[in-house]
Amino acid sequence: MPTQDYLLIEHHDKYITLTLNRPDSFNALSEEMMLAIQHALHDIAARDDISCVVIKANGKAFCAGHDLKQMRANVNDSYYQKLFSQCSKMMQSIINLPIPVIAEVQGVATAAGCQLVASCDLVVAAEKARFAVSGINLGLFCSTPAVALSRSIGPKHAMEMLLTGEFISAADAKDKGLVNRLAAAEDLSATTQQLVDTICGKLPVALKTGKAMFYEQLGQSLPDAYNTACEYMVNNLMDDDTQAGIAKFVDK
């Protein structure tokens, strides 16, 4: 299956851009779209020369969630189980990717589209972007999006979004912790690029150590989290590039 129909992959010096490319369907996460993203993430995970990934989208919407037409054409529990397992695997691949993933959100992100945003490590959003987990409006509680959303923002904020299905603004999303940086529409790419350039300027070993450590310690008790952090800290310090960086700083 040619992934380029659904996902545009652009290689840069130290980062890769993945562009959702179903603008006529508001970049809905069809089976094919999710498979294309999954394959791209799998390939990127095997590379040592990339420091971060940007996920963006063509068209007015960032992502409208699952492809409801595709879901309506396959009304049976085994299909739905396979579909949501596929989606869950893809979302976890973003977290498990050794390097940071930045979402650049230019328009609406709803349901699984909001889940995709919440699964990314960092988010840059246009001021006009909006976010919702709106399945409740169709009689469907957004259970799988709730997993990512509740790990990205406070539980009461997440529950309000999940139970009401209401859209929140980009500014509100930033206040709630879903978005890191806001930009005017015309400045969105430049704002993302500033963040990319900053991250790509760091030692790869520190980036990979940091992301792995951060998510591993999140679900641990305080003593276990500190034990985990200490182990990662020691391993990071034993890296030759890290020692060279410390020596250069001390010599200055």
Protein backbone atom coordinates (compact mmCIF):
# COMPACT_ATOMS: atom_id res chain seq x y z
CA MET A 1 0.00 0.00 0.00
CA PRO A 2 1.47 3.41 -0.97
CA THR A 3 1.56 5.45 2.23
CA GLN A 4 2.17 8.69 0.36
CA ASP A 5 -1.54 8.85 -0.54
CA TYR A 6 -2.41 9.29 3.11
CA LEU A 7 0.74 10.65 4.70
CA LEU A 8 3.41 12.96 3.30
CA ILE A 9 6.87 12.26 4.70
CA GLU A 10 9.49 15.00 4.47
CA HIS A 11 13.07 14.41 5.57
CA HIS A 12 15.13 17.29 6.94
CA ASP A 13 18.62 17.48 8.40
CA LYS A 14 17.78 16.31 11.93
CA TYR A 15 14.00 15.91 11.91
CA ILE A 16 11.15 14.43 9.92
CA THR A 17 7.75 15.95 9.15
CA LEU A 18 4.69 13.72 8.83
CA THR A 19 1.75 15.49 7.17
CA LEU A 20 -1.76 14.02 7.36
CA ASN A 21 -2.99 14.21 3.79
CA ARG A 22 -6.74 13.56 3.61
CA PRO A 23 -7.96 17.17 3.59
CA ASP A 24 -11.26 16.31 1.86
CA SER A 25 -12.06 13.96 4.76
CA PHE A 26 -10.76 16.38 7.41
CA ASN A 27 -7.79 14.02 7.84
CA ALA A 28 -9.96 11.36 9.46
CA LEU A 29 -8.02 8.42 10.84
CA SER A 30 -9.01 5.69 8.43
CA GLU A 31 -7.41 2.27 8.68
CA GLU A 32 -5.09 3.27 5.85
CA MET A 33 -4.11 6.56 7.49
CA MET A 34 -3.30 4.89 10.80
CA LEU A 35 -1.30 2.17 9.05
CA ALA A 36 0.70 4.80 7.17
CA ILE A 37 1.49 6.64 10.42
CA GLN A 38 2.38 3.38 12.15
CA HIS A 39 4.79 2.37 9.39
CA ALA A 40 6.42 5.81 9.40
CA LEU A 41 6.93 5.76 13.18
CA HIS A 42 8.36 2.23 12.99
CA ASP A 43 10.91 3.33 10.40
CA ILE A 44 11.85 6.48 12.34
CA ALA A 45 12.36 4.51 15.56
CA ALA A 46 15.16 2.56 13.90
CA ARG A 47 17.12 5.68 12.96
CA ASP A 48 19.88 7.32 15.01
CA ASP A 49 20.22 10.52 12.97
CA ILE A 50 16.83 12.07 13.77
CA SER A 51 16.22 14.25 16.83
CA CYS A 52 12.48 14.93 16.58
CA VAL A 53 9.32 14.45 14.53
CA VAL A 54 6.64 16.98 13.58
CA ILE A 55 3.07 15.81 12.89
CA LYS A 56 1.00 18.35 10.95
CA ALA A 57 -1.91 18.30 8.50
CA ASN A 58 -3.09 19.64 5.17
CA GLY A 59 -6.43 21.39 4.86
CA LYS A 60 -8.70 23.23 7.27
CA ALA A 61 -8.81 20.52 9.95
CA PHE A 62 -5.95 18.89 11.81
CA CYS A 63 -7.85 15.66 12.36
CA ALA A 64 -11.56 14.91 12.76
CA GLY A 65 -11.03 11.60 14.54
CA HIS A 66 -11.93 8.16 13.25
CA ASP A 67 -13.40 7.70 9.77
CA LEU A 68 -17.10 7.34 10.63
CA LYS A 69 -18.05 6.27 7.10
CA GLN A 70 -15.58 3.41 7.31
CA MET A 71 -16.91 2.50 10.75
CA ARG A 72 -20.51 2.53 9.52
CA ALA A 73 -19.59 0.21 6.66
CA ASN A 74 -18.25 -2.40 9.11
CA VAL A 75 -20.70 -2.70 11.98
CA ASN A 76 -19.43 -5.68 13.96
CA ASP A 77 -17.58 -6.04 17.23
CA SER A 78 -14.55 -7.86 15.81
CA TYR A 79 -13.93 -5.06 13.31
CA TYR A 80 -14.30 -2.39 16.00
CA GLN A 81 -11.97 -4.27 18.33
CA LYS A 82 -9.34 -4.50 15.60
CA LEU A 83 -9.79 -0.82 14.67
CA PHE A 84 -9.37 0.53 18.19
CA SER A 85 -6.48 -1.83 18.89
CA GLN A 86 -4.80 -0.47 15.76
CA CYS A 87 -5.42 3.09 16.92
CA SER A 88 -4.17 2.38 20.44
CA LYS A 89 -1.00 0.80 19.06
CA MET A 90 -0.35 3.85 16.90
CA MET A 91 -0.88 6.29 19.77
CA GLN A 92 1.46 4.30 22.01
CA SER A 93 4.07 4.28 19.25
CA ILE A 94 4.25 8.06 19.58
CA ILE A 95 4.96 7.79 23.30
CA ASN A 96 7.37 4.89 22.76
CA LEU A 97 9.27 6.64 19.98
CA PRO A 98 12.74 7.39 21.41
CA ILE A 99 12.65 11.02 20.26
CA PRO A 100 10.20 13.91 20.89
CA VAL A 101 7.10 14.29 18.72
CA ILE A 102 5.62 17.76 18.14
CA ALA A 103 2.06 18.28 16.92
CA GLU A 104 1.51 21.38 14.78
CA VAL A 105 -2.23 22.04 14.92
CA GLN A 106 -3.64 24.47 12.38
CA GLY A 107 -7.37 23.67 12.73
CA VAL A 108 -9.86 21.56 14.64
CA ALA A 109 -8.77 18.37 16.39
CA THR A 110 -11.71 16.26 17.51
CA ALA A 111 -12.20 12.84 19.14
CA ALA A 112 -9.28 10.60 18.06
CA GLY A 113 -7.76 13.71 16.47
CA CYS A 114 -7.63 15.30 19.92
CA GLN A 115 -6.25 11.98 21.18
CA LEU A 116 -3.47 12.26 18.60
CA VAL A 117 -2.63 15.76 19.84
CA ALA A 118 -2.65 14.63 23.48
CA SER A 119 -0.37 11.70 22.64
CA CYS A 120 2.35 13.97 21.26
CA ASP A 121 5.09 15.20 23.57
CA LEU A 122 4.69 18.87 22.63
CA VAL A 123 1.98 20.86 20.86
CA VAL A 124 2.13 24.10 18.89
CA ALA A 125 -1.30 25.41 17.90
CA ALA A 126 -2.67 28.22 15.78
CA GLU A 127 -4.77 30.70 17.74
CA LYS A 128 -7.84 29.68 15.69
CA ALA A 129 -7.41 25.94 16.41
CA ARG A 130 -10.08 24.21 18.49
CA PHE A 131 -10.18 20.94 20.38
CA ALA A 132 -12.95 18.55 21.43
CA VAL A 133 -13.68 14.95 22.31
CA SER A 134 -17.14 15.09 20.82
CA GLY A 135 -18.19 11.44 20.54
CA ILE A 136 -20.62 11.99 23.41
CA ASN A 137 -22.71 14.11 21.03
CA LEU A 138 -23.30 10.98 18.92
CA GLY A 139 -23.99 8.77 21.93
CA LEU A 140 -20.44 7.43 22.04
CA PHE A 141 -18.18 8.22 24.99
CA CYS A 142 -14.64 8.85 23.72
CA SER A 143 -13.08 6.10 25.83
CA THR A 144 -9.80 5.65 23.96
CA PRO A 145 -9.22 9.42 23.55
CA ALA A 146 -9.87 9.70 27.29
CA VAL A 147 -6.72 7.68 28.00
CA ALA A 148 -4.44 10.18 26.27
CA LEU A 149 -6.39 13.26 27.33
CA SER A 150 -6.46 12.32 31.03
CA ARG A 151 -2.69 11.90 30.94
CA SER A 152 -2.21 15.29 29.32
CA ILE A 153 -4.52 17.58 31.31
CA GLY A 154 -6.15 17.59 34.74
CA PRO A 155 -8.84 14.95 35.35
CA LYS A 156 -11.66 17.44 35.93
CA HIS A 157 -10.79 19.35 32.76
CA ALA A 158 -10.67 16.06 30.86
CA MET A 159 -14.01 14.89 32.27
CA GLU A 160 -15.70 18.16 31.35
CA MET A 161 -14.52 17.85 27.75
CA LEU A 162 -15.49 14.18 27.60
CA LEU A 163 -18.97 14.61 29.13
CA THR A 164 -19.98 17.78 27.28
CA GLY A 165 -18.32 17.26 23.90
CA GLU A 166 -17.85 21.01 23.74
CA PHE A 167 -15.03 22.64 21.81
CA ILE A 168 -12.35 24.55 23.67
CA SER A 169 -10.23 27.29 22.13
CA ALA A 170 -6.50 27.05 21.58
CA ALA A 171 -5.98 29.57 24.39
CA ASP A 172 -8.11 27.46 26.74
CA ALA A 173 -6.23 24.34 25.65
CA LYS A 174 -2.97 26.07 26.54
CA ASP A 175 -4.32 27.05 29.96
CA LYS A 176 -5.38 23.44 30.57
CA GLY A 177 -1.96 22.08 29.57
CA LEU A 178 -2.87 20.46 26.25
CA VAL A 179 -0.94 23.04 24.19
CA ASN A 180 2.57 24.37 24.78
CA ARG A 181 2.78 27.34 22.41
CA LEU A 182 0.28 29.47 20.49
CA ALA A 183 0.87 31.34 17.25
CA ALA A 184 -1.03 33.39 14.72
CA ALA A 185 -1.92 31.29 11.69
CA GLU A 186 0.72 32.97 9.56
CA ASP A 187 3.37 32.35 12.22
CA LEU A 188 2.50 28.75 13.04
CA SER A 189 5.21 27.06 10.96
CA ALA A 190 7.87 29.49 12.16
CA THR A 191 6.90 28.94 15.79
CA THR A 192 7.11 25.17 15.33
CA GLN A 193 10.45 25.56 13.57
CA GLN A 194 11.87 27.52 16.52
CA LEU A 195 10.96 24.65 18.83
CA VAL A 196 12.36 22.08 16.41
CA ASP A 197 15.64 23.99 16.06
CA THR A 198 16.00 24.24 19.84
CA ILE A 199 15.43 20.50 20.32
CA CYS A 200 17.69 19.52 17.42
CA GLY A 201 20.46 21.58 19.01
CA LYS A 202 20.57 19.25 22.03
CA LEU A 203 22.61 16.06 22.36
CA PRO A 204 20.62 13.08 21.03
CA VAL A 205 21.55 10.97 24.05
CA ALA A 206 20.00 13.56 26.38
CA LEU A 207 16.80 13.75 24.32
CA LYS A 208 16.36 9.98 24.25
CA THR A 209 17.24 9.62 27.93
CA GLY A 210 14.84 12.39 28.87
CA LYS A 211 11.83 11.09 26.99
CA ALA A 212 12.25 7.50 28.16
CA MET A 213 12.80 8.52 31.78
CA PHE A 214 9.91 11.00 31.84
CA TYR A 215 7.24 8.51 30.83
CA GLU A 216 8.63 5.61 32.84
CA GLN A 217 8.58 7.53 36.12
CA LEU A 218 5.12 9.07 35.65
CA GLY A 219 3.22 6.06 36.93
CA GLN A 220 5.63 5.19 39.73
CA SER A 221 5.63 5.98 43.44
CA LEU A 222 7.88 8.86 44.51
CA PRO A 223 10.72 6.60 45.79
CA ASP A 224 10.57 4.41 42.68
CA ALA A 225 10.50 7.47 40.43
CA TYR A 226 13.67 8.82 42.05
CA ASN A 227 15.35 5.42 41.72
CA THR A 228 14.44 5.35 38.05
CA ALA A 229 15.66 8.92 37.56
CA CYS A 230 18.97 8.14 39.27
CA GLU A 231 19.58 5.16 37.02
CA TYR A 232 18.87 7.18 33.89
CA MET A 233 21.01 10.05 35.20
CA VAL A 234 24.01 7.77 35.75
CA ASN A 235 23.67 6.15 32.32
CA ASN A 236 23.39 9.57 30.70
CA LEU A 237 26.51 10.79 32.52
CA MET A 238 28.52 7.78 31.38
CA ASP A 239 27.96 8.67 27.73
CA ASP A 240 31.09 10.03 26.01
CA ASP A 241 29.22 12.89 24.31
CA THR A 242 27.73 13.96 27.64
CA GLN A 243 31.12 13.94 29.32
CA ALA A 244 32.53 16.00 26.44
CA GLY A 245 29.70 18.50 26.81
CA ILE A 246 30.28 18.85 30.56
CA ALA A 247 34.04 19.23 30.06
CA LYS A 248 33.49 21.97 27.46
CA PHE A 249 31.16 23.85 29.83
CA VAL A 250 33.58 23.55 32.80
CA ASP A 251 36.55 24.68 30.68
CA LYS A 252 34.65 27.83 29.70
